[in-house]
Amino acid sequence: MFKKVISISIFVLVIVLGYTQKDIWVHWMKEGGMLAVSVSLLLVAIDVFFPVIPFAILAGTIGSIYGVWQGTSITLTGAMFGTMILFFLARYGFRDWALSYVNKHPKVNEYKLSFEKNSFLAIFLSRAIPVVPSFVVNAVCGLSNVRWTTFLWASLLGKIPNNLVVNFAGANFGQNKWLSFVVYGIYTLIIFAVNYVIVYKRMAKSQTTSADE
């Protein structure tokens, strides 16, 4: 009971702070300096729980302030910080409640089994090609038997492409808007194309299974 109370309190506090103070935090973020770096990290971490600011806009802004490499390191660190907190909250705080939810929803349970079967590859691909929402991946992996070290490294490596692309687009937006739009547009098209192929294959497989029955 104590763990659940603490977990719920942390979850609510993060969302409330992110939603009610986001304007002040964005202002501090644009000021520069160590405070700005700390605020940027926290905003990205909060975005993992609740997208108070769309990640593409937040990461692009950070990239425009700090440049590609420093911006990427900030957004990646913040994203992983929030990701690991949510992972451990799911594993130790909301486990009983969340497991009952998963067991009632076959699709979510299917994701859970997939992550357990091919842990590293499944998590890496879900980050690099976000077919499954990030929040779902974090929570489901926390409920699964996936080792936290496997989750950490697979998530870290899988998040690099998206963070790098968004920060690159943000860093170059002031000098070359078209380049930023083209780079991010190509990346988005690739994601949509891969998602379409995956969904199409699942539908074809489902139809084949139904026909066999």
Protein backbone atom coordinates (compact mmCIF):
# COMPACT_ATOMS: atom_id res chain seq x y z
CA MET A 1 0.00 0.00 0.00
CA PHE A 2 2.81 2.41 0.93
CA LYS A 3 4.55 1.81 -2.43
CA LYS A 4 1.33 2.53 -4.30
CA VAL A 5 0.76 5.79 -2.43
CA ILE A 6 4.33 6.94 -3.11
CA SER A 7 4.11 5.90 -6.76
CA ILE A 8 0.79 7.68 -7.33
CA SER A 9 2.09 10.80 -5.57
CA ILE A 10 5.20 10.93 -7.78
CA PHE A 11 3.17 10.34 -10.93
CA VAL A 12 0.63 13.07 -10.12
CA LEU A 13 3.30 15.52 -8.95
CA VAL A 14 5.30 15.15 -12.18
CA ILE A 15 2.23 15.76 -14.35
CA VAL A 16 0.99 18.71 -12.28
CA LEU A 17 4.41 20.42 -12.26
CA GLY A 18 4.88 19.84 -15.97
CA TYR A 19 1.42 21.13 -16.91
CA THR A 20 1.12 24.13 -14.57
CA GLN A 21 4.71 25.40 -14.73
CA LYS A 22 5.61 24.66 -18.35
CA ASP A 23 5.65 28.33 -19.47
CA ILE A 24 8.06 29.33 -16.70
CA TRP A 25 10.23 26.28 -17.40
CA VAL A 26 10.39 27.03 -21.12
CA HIS A 27 11.42 30.61 -20.32
CA TRP A 28 14.23 29.37 -18.04
CA MET A 29 15.25 26.85 -20.68
CA LYS A 30 15.78 29.62 -23.24
CA GLU A 31 17.84 31.73 -20.82
CA GLY A 32 20.93 29.51 -21.16
CA GLY A 33 23.41 28.39 -18.52
CA MET A 34 23.37 25.45 -16.11
CA LEU A 35 19.85 26.25 -14.87
CA ALA A 36 18.61 26.04 -18.46
CA VAL A 37 20.29 22.65 -18.93
CA SER A 38 18.70 21.32 -15.72
CA VAL A 39 15.27 22.63 -16.69
CA SER A 40 15.62 21.15 -20.19
CA LEU A 41 16.46 17.74 -18.71
CA LEU A 42 13.46 17.89 -16.37
CA LEU A 43 11.06 19.00 -19.11
CA VAL A 44 12.10 16.10 -21.34
CA ALA A 45 11.78 13.68 -18.41
CA ILE A 46 8.28 14.98 -17.62
CA ASP A 47 7.35 14.62 -21.29
CA VAL A 48 7.84 10.86 -20.89
CA PHE A 49 4.98 10.82 -18.36
CA PHE A 50 2.71 13.38 -19.99
CA PRO A 51 3.40 15.30 -23.23
CA VAL A 52 2.98 18.81 -21.86
CA ILE A 53 4.90 19.92 -24.95
CA PRO A 54 5.09 17.70 -28.07
CA PHE A 55 8.49 16.01 -28.00
CA ALA A 56 9.43 17.12 -31.53
CA ILE A 57 8.87 20.78 -30.57
CA LEU A 58 10.63 20.45 -27.21
CA ALA A 59 13.65 18.61 -28.60
CA GLY A 60 13.79 20.92 -31.63
CA THR A 61 13.86 23.96 -29.32
CA ILE A 62 16.63 22.42 -27.24
CA GLY A 63 18.56 21.66 -30.44
CA SER A 64 18.19 25.27 -31.59
CA ILE A 65 19.58 26.52 -28.26
CA TYR A 66 22.43 24.06 -27.68
CA GLY A 67 23.23 22.68 -31.13
CA VAL A 68 22.98 19.14 -32.45
CA TRP A 69 25.35 17.21 -30.19
CA GLN A 70 24.81 18.95 -26.88
CA GLY A 71 21.09 19.15 -27.55
CA THR A 72 20.94 15.44 -28.34
CA SER A 73 22.81 14.56 -25.17
CA ILE A 74 20.38 16.69 -23.11
CA THR A 75 17.18 15.28 -24.65
CA LEU A 76 18.51 11.71 -24.60
CA THR A 77 19.55 11.98 -20.93
CA GLY A 78 16.24 13.56 -19.93
CA ALA A 79 14.22 10.99 -21.90
CA MET A 80 16.10 8.08 -20.36
CA PHE A 81 15.73 9.54 -16.86
CA GLY A 82 11.95 9.76 -17.25
CA THR A 83 11.81 6.39 -18.99
CA MET A 84 13.59 4.56 -16.19
CA ILE A 85 11.48 6.23 -13.48
CA LEU A 86 8.30 5.13 -15.26
CA PHE A 87 9.73 1.63 -15.77
CA PHE A 88 10.43 1.22 -12.04
CA LEU A 89 7.09 2.76 -11.05
CA ALA A 90 5.33 0.17 -13.21
CA ARG A 91 7.46 -2.64 -11.82
CA TYR A 92 7.28 -1.81 -8.12
CA GLY A 93 4.49 0.74 -7.62
CA PHE A 94 1.51 -0.06 -9.86
CA ARG A 95 2.32 -3.71 -10.58
CA ASP A 96 -0.82 -5.39 -9.22
CA TRP A 97 -3.22 -2.89 -10.75
CA ALA A 98 -1.39 -2.76 -14.05
CA LEU A 99 -1.16 -6.55 -14.35
CA SER A 100 -4.90 -6.87 -13.90
CA TYR A 101 -5.36 -4.31 -16.70
CA VAL A 102 -2.95 -6.15 -18.99
CA ASN A 103 -4.66 -9.49 -18.41
CA LYS A 104 -8.00 -7.99 -19.45
CA HIS A 105 -6.59 -6.59 -22.72
CA PRO A 106 -5.15 -9.29 -25.00
CA LYS A 107 -3.42 -6.75 -27.28
CA VAL A 108 -1.44 -5.22 -24.44
CA ASN A 109 -0.63 -8.67 -23.10
CA GLU A 110 0.60 -9.57 -26.59
CA TYR A 111 3.09 -6.70 -26.42
CA LYS A 112 4.21 -7.90 -23.00
CA LEU A 113 4.89 -11.41 -24.30
CA SER A 114 6.72 -10.01 -27.32
CA PHE A 115 9.04 -7.93 -25.14
CA GLU A 116 9.76 -10.95 -22.92
CA LYS A 117 10.48 -13.23 -25.88
CA ASN A 118 12.88 -10.99 -27.81
CA SER A 119 13.73 -8.44 -25.16
CA PHE A 120 16.60 -6.40 -26.57
CA LEU A 121 15.56 -6.43 -30.23
CA ALA A 122 11.85 -5.80 -29.53
CA ILE A 123 12.58 -2.85 -27.24
CA PHE A 124 15.23 -1.41 -29.56
CA LEU A 125 12.89 -1.54 -32.59
CA SER A 126 9.97 -0.11 -30.62
CA ARG A 127 12.15 2.91 -29.81
CA ALA A 128 13.77 3.35 -33.22
CA ILE A 129 10.48 2.75 -35.08
CA PRO A 130 7.75 3.83 -32.64
CA VAL A 131 4.89 1.54 -33.63
CA VAL A 132 3.88 1.20 -29.97
CA PRO A 133 3.51 4.44 -27.93
CA SER A 134 6.54 5.06 -25.72
CA PHE A 135 4.41 5.24 -22.55
CA VAL A 136 3.01 1.77 -23.26
CA VAL A 137 6.48 0.34 -23.90
CA ASN A 138 7.77 1.73 -20.61
CA ALA A 139 4.84 0.46 -18.56
CA VAL A 140 4.54 -2.96 -20.22
CA CYS A 141 8.28 -3.63 -19.96
CA GLY A 142 8.13 -2.68 -16.28
CA LEU A 143 5.46 -5.35 -15.79
CA SER A 144 7.33 -7.96 -17.79
CA ASN A 145 10.29 -10.14 -16.87
CA VAL A 146 12.66 -7.99 -18.92
CA ARG A 147 15.85 -7.12 -17.02
CA TRP A 148 16.19 -3.44 -16.28
CA THR A 149 19.71 -3.38 -17.77
CA THR A 150 18.42 -4.83 -21.06
CA PHE A 151 15.59 -2.29 -21.06
CA LEU A 152 18.03 0.54 -20.34
CA TRP A 153 20.51 -0.22 -23.12
CA ALA A 154 17.94 -1.19 -25.75
CA SER A 155 15.95 1.98 -25.04
CA LEU A 156 19.04 4.17 -25.06
CA LEU A 157 20.30 2.89 -28.41
CA GLY A 158 16.83 2.90 -29.93
CA LYS A 159 16.14 6.51 -28.91
CA ILE A 160 19.33 7.90 -30.49
CA PRO A 161 18.04 8.22 -34.12
CA ASN A 162 14.89 10.16 -33.20
CA ASN A 163 16.70 12.45 -30.77
CA LEU A 164 19.48 13.11 -33.27
CA VAL A 165 17.11 13.89 -36.16
CA VAL A 166 14.89 16.23 -34.12
CA ASN A 167 17.84 18.10 -32.61
CA PHE A 168 19.46 18.40 -36.05
CA ALA A 169 16.26 19.87 -37.47
CA GLY A 170 15.99 22.30 -34.54
CA ALA A 171 19.65 23.36 -34.69
CA ASN A 172 19.41 24.17 -38.42
CA PHE A 173 15.93 25.69 -38.42
CA GLY A 174 17.16 29.27 -38.06
CA GLN A 175 19.68 29.05 -40.92
CA ASN A 176 17.95 26.62 -43.27
CA LYS A 177 14.28 25.92 -42.62
CA TRP A 178 13.91 23.81 -45.75
CA LEU A 179 16.73 21.49 -44.69
CA SER A 180 15.08 21.02 -41.30
CA PHE A 181 11.69 20.28 -42.86
CA VAL A 182 13.17 17.87 -45.41
CA VAL A 183 15.24 15.92 -42.86
CA TYR A 184 12.39 15.59 -40.37
CA GLY A 185 9.90 14.93 -43.17
CA ILE A 186 11.98 12.07 -44.60
CA TYR A 187 12.39 10.56 -41.14
CA THR A 188 8.63 10.81 -40.51
CA LEU A 189 7.84 9.21 -43.88
CA ILE A 190 10.17 6.31 -43.07
CA ILE A 191 8.39 5.77 -39.74
CA PHE A 192 4.96 5.86 -41.41
CA ALA A 193 6.12 3.47 -44.15
CA VAL A 194 7.48 0.95 -41.67
CA ASN A 195 4.34 1.22 -39.53
CA TYR A 196 2.19 0.62 -42.60
CA VAL A 197 4.19 -2.47 -43.56
CA ILE A 198 3.93 -3.87 -40.03
CA VAL A 199 0.18 -3.24 -39.82
CA TYR A 200 -0.34 -4.68 -43.32
CA LYS A 201 1.58 -7.84 -42.41
CA ARG A 202 -0.43 -8.25 -39.21
CA MET A 203 -3.70 -7.87 -41.12
CA ALA A 204 -2.56 -10.39 -43.76
CA LYS A 205 -1.52 -12.83 -41.05
CA SER A 206 -4.84 -12.38 -39.25
CA GLN A 207 -6.80 -12.99 -42.47
CA THR A 208 -4.73 -16.11 -43.22
CA THR A 209 -5.36 -17.47 -39.73
CA SER A 210 -9.11 -16.81 -40.06
CA ALA A 211 -9.20 -18.53 -43.45
CA ASP A 212 -7.44 -21.59 -42.06
CA GLU A 213 -9.98 -21.85 -39.28
